[in-house]
Amino acid sequence: MADKPQLPPNFKDTVEDTRNLVNLFIGRLAGVAGNAGNKWIDGFTKTDVSEVVDDLNAKFKSQVLDAWSTAEDNVKPPNSGGN
């Protein structure tokens, strides 16, 4: 009889991290869309386009850096205090 499959020991943490990253991503995209919508209501200008793109860029950069840090934290052991 074959051994039962086992999930990695940090599987629960990985699922929670993924959920958190997805929620952050949705929140960031909603924020960009909301800001763009507010600008659109009174007429969209070239400056507005630039501001929306800058906002999107900043939020995307934050998302990627958060994902990188999360992935890195999941594969590197925590610092064992002063070693």
PDB file of N, CA and C in Angstrom:
ATOM      1  N   MET A   1       0.842  -1.186   0.000  1.00  0.00           N
ATOM      2  CA  MET A   1       0.000   0.000   0.000  1.00  0.00           C
ATOM      3  C   MET A   1       0.889   1.252   0.000  1.00  0.00           C
ATOM      4  N   ALA A   2       0.563   2.203  -0.843  1.00  0.00           N
ATOM      5  CA  ALA A   2       1.363   3.429  -0.983  1.00  0.00           C
ATOM      6  C   ALA A   2       1.159   4.344   0.218  1.00  0.00           C
ATOM      7  N   ASP A   3       2.198   5.122   0.495  1.00  0.00           N
ATOM      8  CA  ASP A   3       2.090   6.110   1.573  1.00  0.00           C
ATOM      9  C   ASP A   3       1.055   7.160   1.196  1.00  0.00           C
ATOM     10  N   LYS A   4       0.407   7.710   2.209  1.00  0.00           N
ATOM     11  CA  LYS A   4      -0.560   8.782   1.970  1.00  0.00           C
ATOM     12  C   LYS A   4       0.194  10.052   1.591  1.00  0.00           C
ATOM     13  N   PRO A   5      -0.321  10.810   0.638  1.00  0.00           N
ATOM     14  CA  PRO A   5       0.350  12.064   0.269  1.00  0.00           C
ATOM     15  C   PRO A   5       0.340  13.039   1.442  1.00  0.00           C
ATOM     16  N   GLN A   6       1.398  13.789   1.535  1.00  0.00           N
ATOM     17  CA  GLN A   6       1.496  14.779   2.606  1.00  0.00           C
ATOM     18  C   GLN A   6       1.763  16.155   1.998  1.00  0.00           C
ATOM     19  N   LEU A   7       1.123  17.142   2.573  1.00  0.00           N
ATOM     20  CA  LEU A   7       1.343  18.525   2.154  1.00  0.00           C
ATOM     21  C   LEU A   7       2.617  19.040   2.829  1.00  0.00           C
ATOM     22  N   PRO A   8       3.265  20.019   2.228  1.00  0.00           N
ATOM     23  CA  PRO A   8       4.449  20.607   2.875  1.00  0.00           C
ATOM     24  C   PRO A   8       4.075  21.166   4.248  1.00  0.00           C
ATOM     25  N   PRO A   9       5.014  21.205   5.178  1.00  0.00           N
ATOM     26  CA  PRO A   9       4.698  21.666   6.533  1.00  0.00           C
ATOM     27  C   PRO A   9       4.171  23.100   6.593  1.00  0.00           C
ATOM     28  N   ASN A  10       4.582  23.959   5.676  1.00  0.00           N
ATOM     29  CA  ASN A  10       4.113  25.353   5.712  1.00  0.00           C
ATOM     30  C   ASN A  10       2.979  25.604   4.716  1.00  0.00           C
ATOM     31  N   PHE A  11       2.282  24.556   4.302  1.00  0.00           N
ATOM     32  CA  PHE A  11       1.231  24.708   3.290  1.00  0.00           C
ATOM     33  C   PHE A  11       0.140  25.679   3.749  1.00  0.00           C
ATOM     34  N   LYS A  12      -0.301  25.553   5.001  1.00  0.00           N
ATOM     35  CA  LYS A  12      -1.350  26.443   5.514  1.00  0.00           C
ATOM     36  C   LYS A  12      -0.899  27.905   5.437  1.00  0.00           C
ATOM     37  N   ASP A  13       0.353  28.164   5.837  1.00  0.00           N
ATOM     38  CA  ASP A  13       0.875  29.533   5.773  1.00  0.00           C
ATOM     39  C   ASP A  13       0.926  30.034   4.329  1.00  0.00           C
ATOM     40  N   THR A  14       1.302  29.159   3.413  1.00  0.00           N
ATOM     41  CA  THR A  14       1.386  29.538   2.002  1.00  0.00           C
ATOM     42  C   THR A  14       0.013  29.906   1.454  1.00  0.00           C
ATOM     43  N   VAL A  15      -0.996  29.127   1.816  1.00  0.00           N
ATOM     44  CA  VAL A  15      -2.365  29.429   1.373  1.00  0.00           C
ATOM     45  C   VAL A  15      -2.821  30.764   1.958  1.00  0.00           C
ATOM     46  N   GLU A  16      -2.527  30.983   3.233  1.00  0.00           N
ATOM     47  CA  GLU A  16      -2.909  32.253   3.865  1.00  0.00           C
ATOM     48  C   GLU A  16      -2.171  33.429   3.226  1.00  0.00           C
ATOM     49  N   ASP A  17      -0.892  33.243   2.941  1.00  0.00           N
ATOM     50  CA  ASP A  17      -0.120  34.303   2.284  1.00  0.00           C
ATOM     51  C   ASP A  17      -0.698  34.623   0.907  1.00  0.00           C
ATOM     52  N   THR A  18      -1.064  33.593   0.172  1.00  0.00           N
ATOM     53  CA  THR A  18      -1.647  33.790  -1.163  1.00  0.00           C
ATOM     54  C   THR A  18      -2.966  34.544  -1.059  1.00  0.00           C
ATOM     55  N   ARG A  19      -3.794  34.142  -0.097  1.00  0.00           N
ATOM     56  CA  ARG A  19      -5.071  34.842   0.115  1.00  0.00           C
ATOM     57  C   ARG A  19      -4.823  36.308   0.427  1.00  0.00           C
ATOM     58  N   ASN A  20      -3.858  36.585   1.294  1.00  0.00           N
ATOM     59  CA  ASN A  20      -3.563  37.970   1.664  1.00  0.00           C
ATOM     60  C   ASN A  20      -3.071  38.780   0.465  1.00  0.00           C
ATOM     61  N   LEU A  21      -2.213  38.177  -0.350  1.00  0.00           N
ATOM     62  CA  LEU A  21      -1.719  38.876  -1.539  1.00  0.00           C
ATOM     63  C   LEU A  21      -2.840  39.149  -2.541  1.00  0.00           C
ATOM     64  N   VAL A  22      -3.733  38.192  -2.717  1.00  0.00           N
ATOM     65  CA  VAL A  22      -4.864  38.393  -3.639  1.00  0.00           C
ATOM     66  C   VAL A  22      -5.764  39.512  -3.120  1.00  0.00           C
ATOM     67  N   ASN A  23      -6.029  39.515  -1.814  1.00  0.00           N
ATOM     68  CA  ASN A  23      -6.862  40.577  -1.239  1.00  0.00           C
ATOM     69  C   ASN A  23      -6.203  41.947  -1.390  1.00  0.00           C
ATOM     70  N   LEU A  24      -4.892  42.014  -1.176  1.00  0.00           N
ATOM     71  CA  LEU A  24      -4.174  43.277  -1.380  1.00  0.00           C
ATOM     72  C   LEU A  24      -4.275  43.734  -2.834  1.00  0.00           C
ATOM     73  N   PHE A  25      -4.100  42.778  -3.748  1.00  0.00           N
ATOM     74  CA  PHE A  25      -4.159  43.099  -5.176  1.00  0.00           C
ATOM     75  C   PHE A  25      -5.532  43.650  -5.563  1.00  0.00           C
ATOM     76  N   ILE A  26      -6.579  42.994  -5.094  1.00  0.00           N
ATOM     77  CA  ILE A  26      -7.942  43.456  -5.392  1.00  0.00           C
ATOM     78  C   ILE A  26      -8.165  44.853  -4.817  1.00  0.00           C
ATOM     79  N   GLY A  27      -7.714  45.068  -3.586  1.00  0.00           N
ATOM     80  CA  GLY A  27      -7.865  46.381  -2.959  1.00  0.00           C
ATOM     81  C   GLY A  27      -7.111  47.468  -3.704  1.00  0.00           C
ATOM     82  N   ARG A  28      -5.907  47.125  -4.138  1.00  0.00           N
ATOM     83  CA  ARG A  28      -5.110  48.112  -4.873  1.00  0.00           C
ATOM     84  C   ARG A  28      -5.751  48.445  -6.219  1.00  0.00           C
ATOM     85  N   LEU A  29      -6.211  47.424  -6.929  1.00  0.00           N
ATOM     86  CA  LEU A  29      -6.869  47.681  -8.218  1.00  0.00           C
ATOM     87  C   LEU A  29      -8.159  48.481  -8.038  1.00  0.00           C
ATOM     88  N   ALA A  30      -8.913  48.160  -6.996  1.00  0.00           N
ATOM     89  CA  ALA A  30     -10.142  48.916  -6.727  1.00  0.00           C
ATOM     90  C   ALA A  30      -9.821  50.376  -6.432  1.00  0.00           C
ATOM     91  N   GLY A  31      -8.721  50.603  -5.714  1.00  0.00           N
ATOM     92  CA  GLY A  31      -8.309  51.977  -5.420  1.00  0.00           C
ATOM     93  C   GLY A  31      -7.953  52.748  -6.672  1.00  0.00           C
ATOM     94  N   VAL A  32      -7.206  52.111  -7.570  1.00  0.00           N
ATOM     95  CA  VAL A  32      -6.847  52.757  -8.840  1.00  0.00           C
ATOM     96  C   VAL A  32      -8.101  53.054  -9.648  1.00  0.00           C
ATOM     97  N   ALA A  33      -8.996  52.069  -9.731  1.00  0.00           N
ATOM     98  CA  ALA A  33     -10.230  52.263 -10.504  1.00  0.00           C
ATOM     99  C   ALA A  33     -11.083  53.376  -9.902  1.00  0.00           C
ATOM    100  N   GLY A  34     -11.168  53.410  -8.584  1.00  0.00           N
ATOM    101  CA  GLY A  34     -11.947  54.461  -7.926  1.00  0.00           C
ATOM    102  C   GLY A  34     -11.370  55.843  -8.172  1.00  0.00           C
ATOM    103  N   ASN A  35     -10.049  55.945  -8.056  1.00  0.00           N
ATOM    104  CA  ASN A  35      -9.398  57.242  -8.313  1.00  0.00           C
ATOM    105  C   ASN A  35      -9.582  57.668  -9.767  1.00  0.00           C
ATOM    106  N   ALA A  36      -9.452  56.708 -10.682  1.00  0.00           N
ATOM    107  CA  ALA A  36      -9.642  57.029 -12.103  1.00  0.00           C
ATOM    108  C   ALA A  36     -11.089  57.461 -12.357  1.00  0.00           C
ATOM    109  N   GLY A  37     -12.027  56.773 -11.737  1.00  0.00           N
ATOM    110  CA  GLY A  37     -13.442  57.135 -11.893  1.00  0.00           C
ATOM    111  C   GLY A  37     -13.735  58.532 -11.382  1.00  0.00           C
ATOM    112  N   ASN A  38     -13.147  58.880 -10.248  1.00  0.00           N
ATOM    113  CA  ASN A  38     -13.344  60.231  -9.702  1.00  0.00           C
ATOM    114  C   ASN A  38     -12.798  61.296 -10.644  1.00  0.00           C
ATOM    115  N   LYS A  39     -11.685  61.007 -11.280  1.00  0.00           N
ATOM    116  CA  LYS A  39     -11.115  61.967 -12.231  1.00  0.00           C
ATOM    117  C   LYS A  39     -11.966  62.035 -13.507  1.00  0.00           C
ATOM    118  N   TRP A  40     -12.518  60.900 -13.902  1.00  0.00           N
ATOM    119  CA  TRP A  40     -13.292  60.814 -15.136  1.00  0.00           C
ATOM    120  C   TRP A  40     -14.585  61.617 -15.045  1.00  0.00           C
ATOM    121  N   ILE A  41     -15.176  61.682 -13.868  1.00  0.00           N
ATOM    122  CA  ILE A  41     -16.481  62.324 -13.687  1.00  0.00           C
ATOM    123  C   ILE A  41     -16.486  63.774 -14.153  1.00  0.00           C
ATOM    124  N   ASP A  42     -15.416  64.503 -13.846  1.00  0.00           N
ATOM    125  CA  ASP A  42     -15.409  65.919 -14.216  1.00  0.00           C
ATOM    126  C   ASP A  42     -14.584  66.198 -15.472  1.00  0.00           C
ATOM    127  N   GLY A  43     -14.301  65.164 -16.242  1.00  0.00           N
ATOM    128  CA  GLY A  43     -13.542  65.326 -17.483  1.00  0.00           C
ATOM    129  C   GLY A  43     -12.118  64.828 -17.315  1.00  0.00           C
ATOM    130  N   PHE A  44     -11.728  63.920 -18.143  1.00  0.00           N
ATOM    131  CA  PHE A  44     -10.420  63.275 -18.059  1.00  0.00           C
ATOM    132  C   PHE A  44      -9.417  64.069 -18.876  1.00  0.00           C
ATOM    133  N   THR A  45      -8.355  64.514 -18.251  1.00  0.00           N
ATOM    134  CA  THR A  45      -7.331  65.299 -18.944  1.00  0.00           C
ATOM    135  C   THR A  45      -6.055  64.469 -19.093  1.00  0.00           C
ATOM    136  N   LYS A  46      -5.119  65.004 -19.845  1.00  0.00           N
ATOM    137  CA  LYS A  46      -3.828  64.340 -20.018  1.00  0.00           C
ATOM    138  C   LYS A  46      -3.116  64.211 -18.667  1.00  0.00           C
ATOM    139  N   THR A  47      -3.233  65.215 -17.824  1.00  0.00           N
ATOM    140  CA  THR A  47      -2.652  65.165 -16.485  1.00  0.00           C
ATOM    141  C   THR A  47      -3.293  64.058 -15.657  1.00  0.00           C
ATOM    142  N   ASP A  48      -4.614  63.909 -15.789  1.00  0.00           N
ATOM    143  CA  ASP A  48      -5.317  62.835 -15.082  1.00  0.00           C
ATOM    144  C   ASP A  48      -4.793  61.465 -15.502  1.00  0.00           C
ATOM    145  N   VAL A  49      -4.576  61.309 -16.803  1.00  0.00           N
ATOM    146  CA  VAL A  49      -4.049  60.034 -17.310  1.00  0.00           C
ATOM    147  C   VAL A  49      -2.700  59.753 -16.669  1.00  0.00           C
ATOM    148  N   SER A  50      -1.850  60.741 -16.630  1.00  0.00           N
ATOM    149  CA  SER A  50      -0.526  60.584 -16.033  1.00  0.00           C
ATOM    150  C   SER A  50      -0.626  60.213 -14.557  1.00  0.00           C
ATOM    151  N   GLU A  51      -1.533  60.855 -13.837  1.00  0.00           N
ATOM    152  CA  GLU A  51      -1.707  60.567 -12.411  1.00  0.00           C
ATOM    153  C   GLU A  51      -2.241  59.159 -12.181  1.00  0.00           C
ATOM    154  N   VAL A  52      -3.161  58.714 -13.013  1.00  0.00           N
ATOM    155  CA  VAL A  52      -3.701  57.355 -12.884  1.00  0.00           C
ATOM    156  C   VAL A  52      -2.603  56.330 -13.163  1.00  0.00           C
ATOM    157  N   VAL A  53      -1.812  56.583 -14.194  1.00  0.00           N
ATOM    158  CA  VAL A  53      -0.717  55.663 -14.525  1.00  0.00           C
ATOM    159  C   VAL A  53       0.307  55.634 -13.395  1.00  0.00           C
ATOM    160  N   ASP A  54       0.627  56.787 -12.826  1.00  0.00           N
ATOM    161  CA  ASP A  54       1.566  56.836 -11.701  1.00  0.00           C
ATOM    162  C   ASP A  54       1.019  56.064 -10.500  1.00  0.00           C
ATOM    163  N   ASP A  55      -0.272  56.222 -10.242  1.00  0.00           N
ATOM    164  CA  ASP A  55      -0.929  55.498  -9.146  1.00  0.00           C
ATOM    165  C   ASP A  55      -0.878  53.986  -9.394  1.00  0.00           C
ATOM    166  N   LEU A  56      -1.218  53.589 -10.615  1.00  0.00           N
ATOM    167  CA  LEU A  56      -1.182  52.176 -10.978  1.00  0.00           C
ATOM    168  C   LEU A  56       0.233  51.624 -10.851  1.00  0.00           C
ATOM    169  N   ASN A  57       1.208  52.374 -11.321  1.00  0.00           N
ATOM    170  CA  ASN A  57       2.604  51.956 -11.239  1.00  0.00           C
ATOM    171  C   ASN A  57       3.037  51.760  -9.788  1.00  0.00           C
ATOM    172  N   ALA A  58       2.707  52.704  -8.925  1.00  0.00           N
ATOM    173  CA  ALA A  58       3.099  52.614  -7.514  1.00  0.00           C
ATOM    174  C   ALA A  58       2.462  51.406  -6.844  1.00  0.00           C
ATOM    175  N   LYS A  59       1.184  51.193  -7.123  1.00  0.00           N
ATOM    176  CA  LYS A  59       0.487  50.064  -6.500  1.00  0.00           C
ATOM    177  C   LYS A  59       0.974  48.729  -7.051  1.00  0.00           C
ATOM    178  N   PHE A  60       1.271  48.681  -8.339  1.00  0.00           N
ATOM    179  CA  PHE A  60       1.795  47.446  -8.928  1.00  0.00           C
ATOM    180  C   PHE A  60       3.175  47.134  -8.352  1.00  0.00           C
ATOM    181  N   LYS A  61       4.000  48.158  -8.220  1.00  0.00           N
ATOM    182  CA  LYS A  61       5.335  47.964  -7.642  1.00  0.00           C
ATOM    183  C   LYS A  61       5.220  47.442  -6.213  1.00  0.00           C
ATOM    184  N   SER A  62       4.322  48.019  -5.418  1.00  0.00           N
ATOM    185  CA  SER A  62       4.112  47.542  -4.051  1.00  0.00           C
ATOM    186  C   SER A  62       3.650  46.091  -4.038  1.00  0.00           C
ATOM    187  N   GLN A  63       2.757  45.745  -4.969  1.00  0.00           N
ATOM    188  CA  GLN A  63       2.242  44.377  -5.045  1.00  0.00           C
ATOM    189  C   GLN A  63       3.368  43.399  -5.353  1.00  0.00           C
ATOM    190  N   VAL A  64       4.186  43.730  -6.321  1.00  0.00           N
ATOM    191  CA  VAL A  64       5.280  42.839  -6.717  1.00  0.00           C
ATOM    192  C   VAL A  64       6.288  42.699  -5.577  1.00  0.00           C
ATOM    193  N   LEU A  65       6.617  43.799  -4.914  1.00  0.00           N
ATOM    194  CA  LEU A  65       7.567  43.734  -3.798  1.00  0.00           C
ATOM    195  C   LEU A  65       6.995  42.942  -2.627  1.00  0.00           C
ATOM    196  N   ASP A  66       5.699  43.086  -2.364  1.00  0.00           N
ATOM    197  CA  ASP A  66       5.064  42.287  -1.309  1.00  0.00           C
ATOM    198  C   ASP A  66       5.086  40.802  -1.661  1.00  0.00           C
ATOM    199  N   ALA A  67       4.801  40.481  -2.915  1.00  0.00           N
ATOM    200  CA  ALA A  67       4.829  39.083  -3.351  1.00  0.00           C
ATOM    201  C   ALA A  67       6.246  38.521  -3.252  1.00  0.00           C
ATOM    202  N   TRP A  68       7.225  39.329  -3.639  1.00  0.00           N
ATOM    203  CA  TRP A  68       8.626  38.887  -3.556  1.00  0.00           C
ATOM    204  C   TRP A  68       9.008  38.599  -2.110  1.00  0.00           C
ATOM    205  N   SER A  69       8.698  39.528  -1.211  1.00  0.00           N
ATOM    206  CA  SER A  69       9.028  39.349   0.203  1.00  0.00           C
ATOM    207  C   SER A  69       8.333  38.126   0.792  1.00  0.00           C
ATOM    208  N   THR A  70       7.081  37.938   0.425  1.00  0.00           N
ATOM    209  CA  THR A  70       6.334  36.787   0.922  1.00  0.00           C
ATOM    210  C   THR A  70       6.963  35.488   0.446  1.00  0.00           C
ATOM    211  N   ALA A  71       7.291  35.426  -0.837  1.00  0.00           N
ATOM    212  CA  ALA A  71       7.921  34.221  -1.373  1.00  0.00           C
ATOM    213  C   ALA A  71       9.270  33.976  -0.713  1.00  0.00           C
ATOM    214  N   GLU A  72      10.033  35.026  -0.556  1.00  0.00           N
ATOM    215  CA  GLU A  72      11.351  34.909   0.071  1.00  0.00           C
ATOM    216  C   GLU A  72      11.229  34.421   1.517  1.00  0.00           C
ATOM    217  N   ASP A  73      10.260  34.964   2.242  1.00  0.00           N
ATOM    218  CA  ASP A  73      10.044  34.549   3.633  1.00  0.00           C
ATOM    219  C   ASP A  73       9.639  33.077   3.727  1.00  0.00           C
ATOM    220  N   ASN A  74       8.971  32.574   2.693  1.00  0.00           N
ATOM    221  CA  ASN A  74       8.517  31.189   2.716  1.00  0.00           C
ATOM    222  C   ASN A  74       9.626  30.193   2.383  1.00  0.00           C
ATOM    223  N   VAL A  75      10.719  30.643   1.797  1.00  0.00           N
ATOM    224  CA  VAL A  75      11.788  29.707   1.444  1.00  0.00           C
ATOM    225  C   VAL A  75      13.052  29.904   2.278  1.00  0.00           C
ATOM    226  N   LYS A  76      13.174  31.031   2.946  1.00  0.00           N
ATOM    227  CA  LYS A  76      14.336  31.274   3.795  1.00  0.00           C
ATOM    228  C   LYS A  76      13.934  31.031   5.252  1.00  0.00           C
ATOM    229  N   PRO A  77      14.781  30.318   5.980  1.00  0.00           N
ATOM    230  CA  PRO A  77      14.451  30.147   7.407  1.00  0.00           C
ATOM    231  C   PRO A  77      14.544  31.483   8.139  1.00  0.00           C
ATOM    232  N   PRO A  78      13.720  31.673   9.144  1.00  0.00           N
ATOM    233  CA  PRO A  78      13.781  32.919   9.898  1.00  0.00           C
ATOM    234  C   PRO A  78      15.144  33.074  10.559  1.00  0.00           C
ATOM    235  N   ASN A  79      15.554  34.299  10.731  1.00  0.00           N
ATOM    236  CA  ASN A  79      16.820  34.596  11.387  1.00  0.00           C
ATOM    237  C   ASN A  79      16.796  34.022  12.797  1.00  0.00           C
ATOM    238  N   SER A  80      17.787  33.283  13.134  1.00  0.00           N
ATOM    239  CA  SER A  80      17.792  32.623  14.443  1.00  0.00           C
ATOM    240  C   SER A  80      18.469  33.490  15.499  1.00  0.00           C
ATOM    241  N   GLY A  81      18.163  34.758  15.514  1.00  0.00           N
ATOM    242  CA  GLY A  81      18.565  35.661  16.570  1.00  0.00           C
ATOM    243  C   GLY A  81      20.062  35.860  16.757  1.00  0.00           C
ATOM    244  N   GLY A  82      20.629  36.752  15.981  1.00  0.00           N
ATOM    245  CA  GLY A  82      21.999  37.169  16.199  1.00  0.00           C
ATOM    246  C   GLY A  82      23.077  36.272  15.606  1.00  0.00           C
ATOM    247  N   ASN A  83      22.731  35.253  14.851  1.00  0.00           N
ATOM    248  CA  ASN A  83      23.769  34.410  14.231  1.00  0.00           C
ATOM    249  C   ASN A  83      24.177  34.947  12.897  1.00  0.00           C
TER     250      ASN A  83
END
